[in-house]
Amino acid sequence: MLTLENIDVTLGKNTKRARKVLQGLNLTVASGEFLVLLGGNGAGKSTLFNMIAGGIAPDAGKLCIDGQDVTAMSQAQRAQAVSKVMQDPMQGTIAQMSILENMTFAYRRGQKRGLSLYDNQARRELFQDKLRLLGIGLEKRMHDQVSGLSGGQRQALSMIMAMLQPAKILLLDEITAALDPASTAAVMDLANHIVREQRLTCLMITHDMAHAIQYGDRLVWIKDGQCVKSIDAATKANMTPAELMQVFAGF
């Protein structure tokens, strides 16, 4: 489904601070797989996500989605296949706009931007149906500014917004890092529900070993810009977070 072959990415190219972040990285993710990416700070995880989403062009290598080479596609073109939820809910939504306006922008992902006919009845009903999945009453607050929502509410909204247009790949970049424990549990349950129900191919970055064990079909450890260890579902099923951390400590 998603294939990365010999990917190199250098940040700060042609400057004194140039640094090769991804080095000959190879990774294959099956259709419908929930893959969890683990690794220390600076390992290259977020750079990998940015490259998959089209925000960074690789120096070398090839990226394929469903067998199609999309390496040269722009971020706007790739937005029709790849959706991303960031770790900071403040970045995934526009505070000074209403829930309805935020959802309209997300709905038009990969299309010409604008708010023309943003309040038509059919679209509003679609948005309300999606928001009801959250079970927190946002479908009754469509005209409220997003700035009035809590961090957990904004991240849940970001999840719904990410899936308003069909996507083949969902990228979850430490989506609970800025949330309290209660919001963390709610957002992760929502993410897992969406991934499983829609049979999405999902890649998730997390530092939470318990989440990795609970949600991941397969765990991949990234170090120094390369995938150095993979643990399948059967192997990780009987592992504790401490045992998982111990396995990766040797890398």
C-alpha atoms as a PDB file:
ATOM      1  CA  MET A   1       0.000   0.000   0.000  1.00  0.00           C
ATOM      2  CA  LEU A   2       2.701   2.459   1.120  1.00  0.00           C
ATOM      3  CA  THR A   3       6.264   1.772   0.047  1.00  0.00           C
ATOM      4  CA  LEU A   4       9.357   3.840   0.748  1.00  0.00           C
ATOM      5  CA  GLU A   5      12.552   2.807  -0.988  1.00  0.00           C
ATOM      6  CA  ASN A   6      16.024   4.096  -0.081  1.00  0.00           C
ATOM      7  CA  ILE A   7      14.732   7.466   1.132  1.00  0.00           C
ATOM      8  CA  ASP A   8      17.286  10.179   1.913  1.00  0.00           C
ATOM      9  CA  VAL A   9      16.245  13.534   3.358  1.00  0.00           C
ATOM     10  CA  THR A  10      18.589  16.375   4.278  1.00  0.00           C
ATOM     11  CA  LEU A  11      17.343  19.314   6.308  1.00  0.00           C
ATOM     12  CA  GLY A  12      18.996  22.705   5.912  1.00  0.00           C
ATOM     13  CA  LYS A  13      20.521  21.810   2.564  1.00  0.00           C
ATOM     14  CA  ASN A  14      23.232  24.138   1.279  1.00  0.00           C
ATOM     15  CA  THR A  15      23.740  25.658   4.718  1.00  0.00           C
ATOM     16  CA  LYS A  16      26.297  25.123   7.464  1.00  0.00           C
ATOM     17  CA  ARG A  17      23.601  23.373   9.475  1.00  0.00           C
ATOM     18  CA  ALA A  18      22.770  20.799   6.808  1.00  0.00           C
ATOM     19  CA  ARG A  19      21.939  17.443   8.384  1.00  0.00           C
ATOM     20  CA  LYS A  20      20.931  14.178   6.770  1.00  0.00           C
ATOM     21  CA  VAL A  21      17.910  13.069   8.790  1.00  0.00           C
ATOM     22  CA  LEU A  22      16.740  10.055   6.761  1.00  0.00           C
ATOM     23  CA  GLN A  23      19.396   7.767   5.319  1.00  0.00           C
ATOM     24  CA  GLY A  24      18.445   4.983   2.950  1.00  0.00           C
ATOM     25  CA  LEU A  25      15.189   4.398   4.803  1.00  0.00           C
ATOM     26  CA  ASN A  26      13.060   1.485   3.621  1.00  0.00           C
ATOM     27  CA  LEU A  27       9.544   0.797   4.863  1.00  0.00           C
ATOM     28  CA  THR A  28       6.469  -1.022   3.573  1.00  0.00           C
ATOM     29  CA  VAL A  29       3.043  -0.614   5.184  1.00  0.00           C
ATOM     30  CA  ALA A  30       0.243  -2.971   4.186  1.00  0.00           C
ATOM     31  CA  SER A  31      -3.245  -1.779   3.290  1.00  0.00           C
ATOM     32  CA  GLY A  32      -5.304  -1.366   6.458  1.00  0.00           C
ATOM     33  CA  GLU A  33      -2.311  -1.757   8.763  1.00  0.00           C
ATOM     34  CA  PHE A  34      -2.016   0.352  11.924  1.00  0.00           C
ATOM     35  CA  LEU A  35       1.733   0.900  12.177  1.00  0.00           C
ATOM     36  CA  VAL A  36       3.292   2.558  15.222  1.00  0.00           C
ATOM     37  CA  LEU A  37       6.613   4.366  14.802  1.00  0.00           C
ATOM     38  CA  LEU A  38       8.848   4.595  17.853  1.00  0.00           C
ATOM     39  CA  GLY A  39      12.223   6.218  18.378  1.00  0.00           C
ATOM     40  CA  GLY A  40      14.096   8.858  20.299  1.00  0.00           C
ATOM     41  CA  ASN A  41      14.052  12.585  19.671  1.00  0.00           C
ATOM     42  CA  GLY A  42      15.826  13.435  16.429  1.00  0.00           C
ATOM     43  CA  ALA A  43      15.479   9.912  15.029  1.00  0.00           C
ATOM     44  CA  GLY A  44      13.654  11.210  11.946  1.00  0.00           C
ATOM     45  CA  LYS A  45      10.050  10.281  12.689  1.00  0.00           C
ATOM     46  CA  SER A  46       8.446  13.685  12.102  1.00  0.00           C
ATOM     47  CA  THR A  47      10.645  14.297   9.067  1.00  0.00           C
ATOM     48  CA  LEU A  48       9.418  10.993   7.667  1.00  0.00           C
ATOM     49  CA  PHE A  49       5.804  12.089   8.178  1.00  0.00           C
ATOM     50  CA  ASN A  50       6.438  15.434   6.503  1.00  0.00           C
ATOM     51  CA  MET A  51       7.996  13.654   3.556  1.00  0.00           C
ATOM     52  CA  ILE A  52       5.071  11.219   3.224  1.00  0.00           C
ATOM     53  CA  ALA A  53       2.625  14.141   3.344  1.00  0.00           C
ATOM     54  CA  GLY A  54       4.571  15.984   0.647  1.00  0.00           C
ATOM     55  CA  GLY A  55       5.908  18.838   2.770  1.00  0.00           C
ATOM     56  CA  ILE A  56       9.522  17.759   2.211  1.00  0.00           C
ATOM     57  CA  ALA A  57      10.997  16.390  -1.007  1.00  0.00           C
ATOM     58  CA  PRO A  58      13.484  13.528  -0.585  1.00  0.00           C
ATOM     59  CA  ASP A  59      17.031  13.907  -1.904  1.00  0.00           C
ATOM     60  CA  ALA A  60      16.863  10.359  -3.182  1.00  0.00           C
ATOM     61  CA  GLY A  61      14.562   7.371  -3.152  1.00  0.00           C
ATOM     62  CA  LYS A  62      10.991   6.600  -4.151  1.00  0.00           C
ATOM     63  CA  LEU A  63       7.603   6.854  -2.425  1.00  0.00           C
ATOM     64  CA  CYS A  64       4.698   4.793  -3.784  1.00  0.00           C
ATOM     65  CA  ILE A  65       1.046   4.688  -2.749  1.00  0.00           C
ATOM     66  CA  ASP A  66      -0.986   1.782  -4.123  1.00  0.00           C
ATOM     67  CA  GLY A  67       1.835   1.079  -6.547  1.00  0.00           C
ATOM     68  CA  GLN A  68       1.862   4.625  -7.953  1.00  0.00           C
ATOM     69  CA  ASP A  69       5.061   6.633  -7.714  1.00  0.00           C
ATOM     70  CA  VAL A  70       4.044   9.877  -5.975  1.00  0.00           C
ATOM     71  CA  THR A  71       7.553  11.084  -5.117  1.00  0.00           C
ATOM     72  CA  ALA A  72       7.298  14.151  -7.352  1.00  0.00           C
ATOM     73  CA  MET A  73       3.724  15.055  -6.372  1.00  0.00           C
ATOM     74  CA  SER A  74       3.173  18.364  -4.582  1.00  0.00           C
ATOM     75  CA  GLN A  75       1.761  18.524  -1.066  1.00  0.00           C
ATOM     76  CA  ALA A  76      -1.563  19.768  -2.469  1.00  0.00           C
ATOM     77  CA  GLN A  77      -1.770  16.859  -4.892  1.00  0.00           C
ATOM     78  CA  ARG A  78      -0.847  14.344  -2.221  1.00  0.00           C
ATOM     79  CA  ALA A  79      -3.478  15.764   0.152  1.00  0.00           C
ATOM     80  CA  GLN A  80      -6.079  13.754  -1.733  1.00  0.00           C
ATOM     81  CA  ALA A  81      -4.408  10.533  -0.554  1.00  0.00           C
ATOM     82  CA  VAL A  82      -2.707  11.485   2.719  1.00  0.00           C
ATOM     83  CA  SER A  83      -4.287  13.093   5.774  1.00  0.00           C
ATOM     84  CA  LYS A  84      -2.399  14.168   8.895  1.00  0.00           C
ATOM     85  CA  VAL A  85      -3.264  15.040  12.484  1.00  0.00           C
ATOM     86  CA  MET A  86      -0.554  16.962  14.341  1.00  0.00           C
ATOM     87  CA  GLN A  87       0.403  16.748  18.001  1.00  0.00           C
ATOM     88  CA  ASP A  88      -0.642  20.309  18.842  1.00  0.00           C
ATOM     89  CA  PRO A  89      -4.437  20.747  18.539  1.00  0.00           C
ATOM     90  CA  MET A  90      -3.843  24.498  18.190  1.00  0.00           C
ATOM     91  CA  GLN A  91      -2.073  23.844  14.875  1.00  0.00           C
ATOM     92  CA  GLY A  92      -4.708  21.538  13.458  1.00  0.00           C
ATOM     93  CA  THR A  93      -7.534  24.072  13.766  1.00  0.00           C
ATOM     94  CA  ILE A  94      -8.018  27.819  13.217  1.00  0.00           C
ATOM     95  CA  ALA A  95      -8.935  29.418  16.537  1.00  0.00           C
ATOM     96  CA  GLN A  96     -10.616  32.565  15.185  1.00  0.00           C
ATOM     97  CA  MET A  97     -12.988  30.631  12.942  1.00  0.00           C
ATOM     98  CA  SER A  98     -16.095  28.664  13.810  1.00  0.00           C
ATOM     99  CA  ILE A  99     -16.342  24.886  13.934  1.00  0.00           C
ATOM    100  CA  LEU A 100     -18.357  25.058  10.713  1.00  0.00           C
ATOM    101  CA  GLU A 101     -15.739  27.174   8.937  1.00  0.00           C
ATOM    102  CA  ASN A 102     -12.904  24.916  10.103  1.00  0.00           C
ATOM    103  CA  MET A 103     -14.721  21.852   8.836  1.00  0.00           C
ATOM    104  CA  THR A 104     -15.426  23.553   5.512  1.00  0.00           C
ATOM    105  CA  PHE A 105     -11.730  24.209   4.978  1.00  0.00           C
ATOM    106  CA  ALA A 106     -10.968  20.584   5.800  1.00  0.00           C
ATOM    107  CA  TYR A 107     -13.758  19.395   3.511  1.00  0.00           C
ATOM    108  CA  ARG A 108     -12.159  21.258   0.621  1.00  0.00           C
ATOM    109  CA  ARG A 109      -8.729  19.725   1.204  1.00  0.00           C
ATOM    110  CA  GLY A 110      -6.940  19.254  -2.093  1.00  0.00           C
ATOM    111  CA  GLN A 111      -9.425  21.530  -3.852  1.00  0.00           C
ATOM    112  CA  LYS A 112      -9.548  25.265  -4.507  1.00  0.00           C
ATOM    113  CA  ARG A 113      -9.714  27.015  -1.131  1.00  0.00           C
ATOM    114  CA  GLY A 114     -12.480  29.363  -0.096  1.00  0.00           C
ATOM    115  CA  LEU A 115     -15.721  29.586   1.844  1.00  0.00           C
ATOM    116  CA  SER A 116     -18.177  29.868  -1.038  1.00  0.00           C
ATOM    117  CA  LEU A 117     -21.486  28.217  -0.165  1.00  0.00           C
ATOM    118  CA  TYR A 118     -19.875  27.028   3.080  1.00  0.00           C
ATOM    119  CA  ASP A 119     -23.204  26.988   4.910  1.00  0.00           C
ATOM    120  CA  ASN A 120     -25.314  24.967   2.517  1.00  0.00           C
ATOM    121  CA  GLN A 121     -27.739  22.639   4.255  1.00  0.00           C
ATOM    122  CA  ALA A 122     -26.479  19.292   2.953  1.00  0.00           C
ATOM    123  CA  ARG A 123     -22.907  20.020   3.967  1.00  0.00           C
ATOM    124  CA  ARG A 124     -23.956  21.255   7.387  1.00  0.00           C
ATOM    125  CA  GLU A 125     -25.923  18.052   7.998  1.00  0.00           C
ATOM    126  CA  LEU A 126     -22.906  15.981   6.951  1.00  0.00           C
ATOM    127  CA  PHE A 127     -20.714  17.864   9.423  1.00  0.00           C
ATOM    128  CA  GLN A 128     -23.249  17.403  12.200  1.00  0.00           C
ATOM    129  CA  ASP A 129     -23.408  13.656  11.543  1.00  0.00           C
ATOM    130  CA  LYS A 130     -19.609  13.432  11.802  1.00  0.00           C
ATOM    131  CA  LEU A 131     -19.487  15.488  14.989  1.00  0.00           C
ATOM    132  CA  ARG A 132     -22.094  13.250  16.649  1.00  0.00           C
ATOM    133  CA  LEU A 133     -19.467  10.481  16.599  1.00  0.00           C
ATOM    134  CA  LEU A 134     -17.604  12.421  19.277  1.00  0.00           C
ATOM    135  CA  GLY A 135     -20.504  12.332  21.715  1.00  0.00           C
ATOM    136  CA  ILE A 136     -19.572  15.715  23.214  1.00  0.00           C
ATOM    137  CA  GLY A 137     -22.282  17.927  21.690  1.00  0.00           C
ATOM    138  CA  LEU A 138     -20.176  19.832  19.140  1.00  0.00           C
ATOM    139  CA  GLU A 139     -22.851  19.216  16.503  1.00  0.00           C
ATOM    140  CA  LYS A 140     -24.969  21.738  18.436  1.00  0.00           C
ATOM    141  CA  ARG A 141     -22.185  24.339  18.481  1.00  0.00           C
ATOM    142  CA  MET A 142     -21.370  24.656  14.784  1.00  0.00           C
ATOM    143  CA  HIS A 143     -21.155  28.442  14.891  1.00  0.00           C
ATOM    144  CA  ASP A 144     -19.008  28.612  18.046  1.00  0.00           C
ATOM    145  CA  GLN A 145     -15.425  29.777  17.610  1.00  0.00           C
ATOM    146  CA  VAL A 146     -12.881  26.999  17.956  1.00  0.00           C
ATOM    147  CA  SER A 147     -10.940  29.163  20.417  1.00  0.00           C
ATOM    148  CA  GLY A 148     -13.622  28.334  22.984  1.00  0.00           C
ATOM    149  CA  LEU A 149     -12.938  24.582  22.856  1.00  0.00           C
ATOM    150  CA  SER A 150     -10.656  22.666  25.191  1.00  0.00           C
ATOM    151  CA  GLY A 151      -7.471  21.041  23.889  1.00  0.00           C
ATOM    152  CA  GLY A 152      -9.114  17.628  23.867  1.00  0.00           C
ATOM    153  CA  GLN A 153     -12.156  18.930  22.012  1.00  0.00           C
ATOM    154  CA  ARG A 154      -9.958  20.622  19.417  1.00  0.00           C
ATOM    155  CA  GLN A 155      -7.928  17.454  18.866  1.00  0.00           C
ATOM    156  CA  ALA A 156     -11.107  15.388  18.500  1.00  0.00           C
ATOM    157  CA  LEU A 157     -12.338  17.958  15.983  1.00  0.00           C
ATOM    158  CA  SER A 158      -9.010  17.680  14.145  1.00  0.00           C
ATOM    159  CA  MET A 159      -9.532  13.918  13.850  1.00  0.00           C
ATOM    160  CA  ILE A 160     -12.976  14.391  12.326  1.00  0.00           C
ATOM    161  CA  MET A 161     -11.674  17.113   9.997  1.00  0.00           C
ATOM    162  CA  ALA A 162      -8.856  14.862   8.808  1.00  0.00           C
ATOM    163  CA  MET A 163     -11.366  12.306   7.564  1.00  0.00           C
ATOM    164  CA  LEU A 164     -13.935  14.575   5.890  1.00  0.00           C
ATOM    165  CA  GLN A 165     -12.395  13.721   2.530  1.00  0.00           C
ATOM    166  CA  PRO A 166     -11.479  10.139   1.619  1.00  0.00           C
ATOM    167  CA  ALA A 167      -7.837   9.429   2.376  1.00  0.00           C
ATOM    168  CA  LYS A 168      -5.819   6.289   1.839  1.00  0.00           C
ATOM    169  CA  ILE A 169      -3.257   7.054   4.527  1.00  0.00           C
ATOM    170  CA  LEU A 170      -3.735   8.663   7.938  1.00  0.00           C
ATOM    171  CA  LEU A 171      -0.700  10.069   9.776  1.00  0.00           C
ATOM    172  CA  LEU A 172      -1.028  10.606  13.534  1.00  0.00           C
ATOM    173  CA  ASP A 173       1.889  12.625  14.910  1.00  0.00           C
ATOM    174  CA  GLU A 174       1.924  12.309  18.722  1.00  0.00           C
ATOM    175  CA  ILE A 175      -1.715  13.352  18.809  1.00  0.00           C
ATOM    176  CA  THR A 176      -2.061  13.071  22.596  1.00  0.00           C
ATOM    177  CA  ALA A 177       1.189  14.814  23.587  1.00  0.00           C
ATOM    178  CA  ALA A 178      -0.567  18.037  24.640  1.00  0.00           C
ATOM    179  CA  LEU A 179      -3.614  16.460  26.285  1.00  0.00           C
ATOM    180  CA  ASP A 180      -4.612  15.512  29.826  1.00  0.00           C
ATOM    181  CA  PRO A 181      -5.193  11.809  30.638  1.00  0.00           C
ATOM    182  CA  ALA A 182      -8.967  11.900  30.151  1.00  0.00           C
ATOM    183  CA  SER A 183      -8.713  13.663  26.798  1.00  0.00           C
ATOM    184  CA  THR A 184      -5.889  11.325  25.780  1.00  0.00           C
ATOM    185  CA  ALA A 185      -8.073   8.256  26.309  1.00  0.00           C
ATOM    186  CA  ALA A 186     -10.996   9.790  24.406  1.00  0.00           C
ATOM    187  CA  VAL A 187      -8.896  10.904  21.436  1.00  0.00           C
ATOM    188  CA  MET A 188      -7.091   7.560  21.151  1.00  0.00           C
ATOM    189  CA  ASP A 189     -10.377   5.644  21.297  1.00  0.00           C
ATOM    190  CA  LEU A 190     -11.725   7.909  18.543  1.00  0.00           C
ATOM    191  CA  ALA A 191      -8.603   7.471  16.407  1.00  0.00           C
ATOM    192  CA  ASN A 192      -8.700   3.691  16.741  1.00  0.00           C
ATOM    193  CA  HIS A 193     -12.423   3.627  15.933  1.00  0.00           C
ATOM    194  CA  ILE A 194     -11.922   5.677  12.754  1.00  0.00           C
ATOM    195  CA  VAL A 195      -8.941   3.627  11.601  1.00  0.00           C
ATOM    196  CA  ARG A 196     -10.621   0.284  12.154  1.00  0.00           C
ATOM    197  CA  GLU A 197     -14.079   1.234  10.880  1.00  0.00           C
ATOM    198  CA  GLN A 198     -12.766   2.817   7.688  1.00  0.00           C
ATOM    199  CA  ARG A 199      -9.970   0.241   7.286  1.00  0.00           C
ATOM    200  CA  LEU A 200      -7.410   2.967   6.868  1.00  0.00           C
ATOM    201  CA  THR A 201      -3.696   2.539   6.484  1.00  0.00           C
ATOM    202  CA  CYS A 202      -2.411   4.413   9.516  1.00  0.00           C
ATOM    203  CA  LEU A 203       1.030   5.414  10.787  1.00  0.00           C
ATOM    204  CA  MET A 204       1.245   6.772  14.315  1.00  0.00           C
ATOM    205  CA  ILE A 205       4.185   8.339  16.127  1.00  0.00           C
ATOM    206  CA  THR A 206       4.083   7.972  19.900  1.00  0.00           C
ATOM    207  CA  HIS A 207       6.396   7.858  22.905  1.00  0.00           C
ATOM    208  CA  ASP A 208       3.744   5.983  24.901  1.00  0.00           C
ATOM    209  CA  MET A 209       4.701   2.303  24.964  1.00  0.00           C
ATOM    210  CA  ALA A 210       1.298   1.312  26.370  1.00  0.00           C
ATOM    211  CA  HIS A 211      -0.432   2.955  23.402  1.00  0.00           C
ATOM    212  CA  ALA A 212       1.998   1.269  21.026  1.00  0.00           C
ATOM    213  CA  ILE A 213       1.108  -2.148  22.431  1.00  0.00           C
ATOM    214  CA  GLN A 214      -2.623  -1.469  22.635  1.00  0.00           C
ATOM    215  CA  TYR A 215      -3.197   0.009  19.186  1.00  0.00           C
ATOM    216  CA  GLY A 216      -0.394  -1.013  16.861  1.00  0.00           C
ATOM    217  CA  ASP A 217      -0.599  -3.962  14.484  1.00  0.00           C
ATOM    218  CA  ARG A 218       3.160  -3.644  14.071  1.00  0.00           C
ATOM    219  CA  LEU A 219       5.806  -1.550  15.800  1.00  0.00           C
ATOM    220  CA  VAL A 220       8.810  -0.090  13.995  1.00  0.00           C
ATOM    221  CA  TRP A 221      11.775   1.520  15.728  1.00  0.00           C
ATOM    222  CA  ILE A 222      13.558   4.342  13.885  1.00  0.00           C
ATOM    223  CA  LYS A 223      17.091   5.367  14.761  1.00  0.00           C
ATOM    224  CA  ASP A 224      19.474   7.655  12.906  1.00  0.00           C
ATOM    225  CA  GLY A 225      17.061   7.947  10.007  1.00  0.00           C
ATOM    226  CA  GLN A 226      16.638   4.225   9.406  1.00  0.00           C
ATOM    227  CA  CYS A 227      14.132   1.534  10.387  1.00  0.00           C
ATOM    228  CA  VAL A 228      16.231  -0.725  12.593  1.00  0.00           C
ATOM    229  CA  LYS A 229      13.709  -3.003  14.337  1.00  0.00           C
ATOM    230  CA  SER A 230      10.197  -4.314  13.693  1.00  0.00           C
ATOM    231  CA  ILE A 231       7.917  -6.153  16.126  1.00  0.00           C
ATOM    232  CA  ASP A 232       4.811  -7.915  14.833  1.00  0.00           C
ATOM    233  CA  ALA A 233       1.426  -8.195  16.532  1.00  0.00           C
ATOM    234  CA  ALA A 234       1.990 -11.714  17.836  1.00  0.00           C
ATOM    235  CA  THR A 235       5.312 -10.794  19.444  1.00  0.00           C
ATOM    236  CA  LYS A 236       4.147  -7.597  21.126  1.00  0.00           C
ATOM    237  CA  ALA A 237       0.816  -9.048  22.303  1.00  0.00           C
ATOM    238  CA  ASN A 238       2.287 -10.460  25.529  1.00  0.00           C
ATOM    239  CA  MET A 239       4.759  -7.646  26.183  1.00  0.00           C
ATOM    240  CA  THR A 240       4.505  -5.015  28.896  1.00  0.00           C
ATOM    241  CA  PRO A 241       5.504  -1.387  28.224  1.00  0.00           C
ATOM    242  CA  ALA A 242       8.648  -1.930  30.313  1.00  0.00           C
ATOM    243  CA  GLU A 243       9.605  -5.021  28.332  1.00  0.00           C
ATOM    244  CA  LEU A 244       9.014  -3.204  25.063  1.00  0.00           C
ATOM    245  CA  MET A 245      11.212  -0.326  26.173  1.00  0.00           C
ATOM    246  CA  GLN A 246      13.908  -2.801  27.161  1.00  0.00           C
ATOM    247  CA  VAL A 247      13.859  -4.393  23.709  1.00  0.00           C
ATOM    248  CA  PHE A 248      14.454  -1.038  22.058  1.00  0.00           C
ATOM    249  CA  ALA A 249      17.042   0.086  24.603  1.00  0.00           C
ATOM    250  CA  GLY A 250      19.670  -1.968  22.806  1.00  0.00           C
ATOM    251  CA  PHE A 251      19.347   0.015  19.600  1.00  0.00           C
END
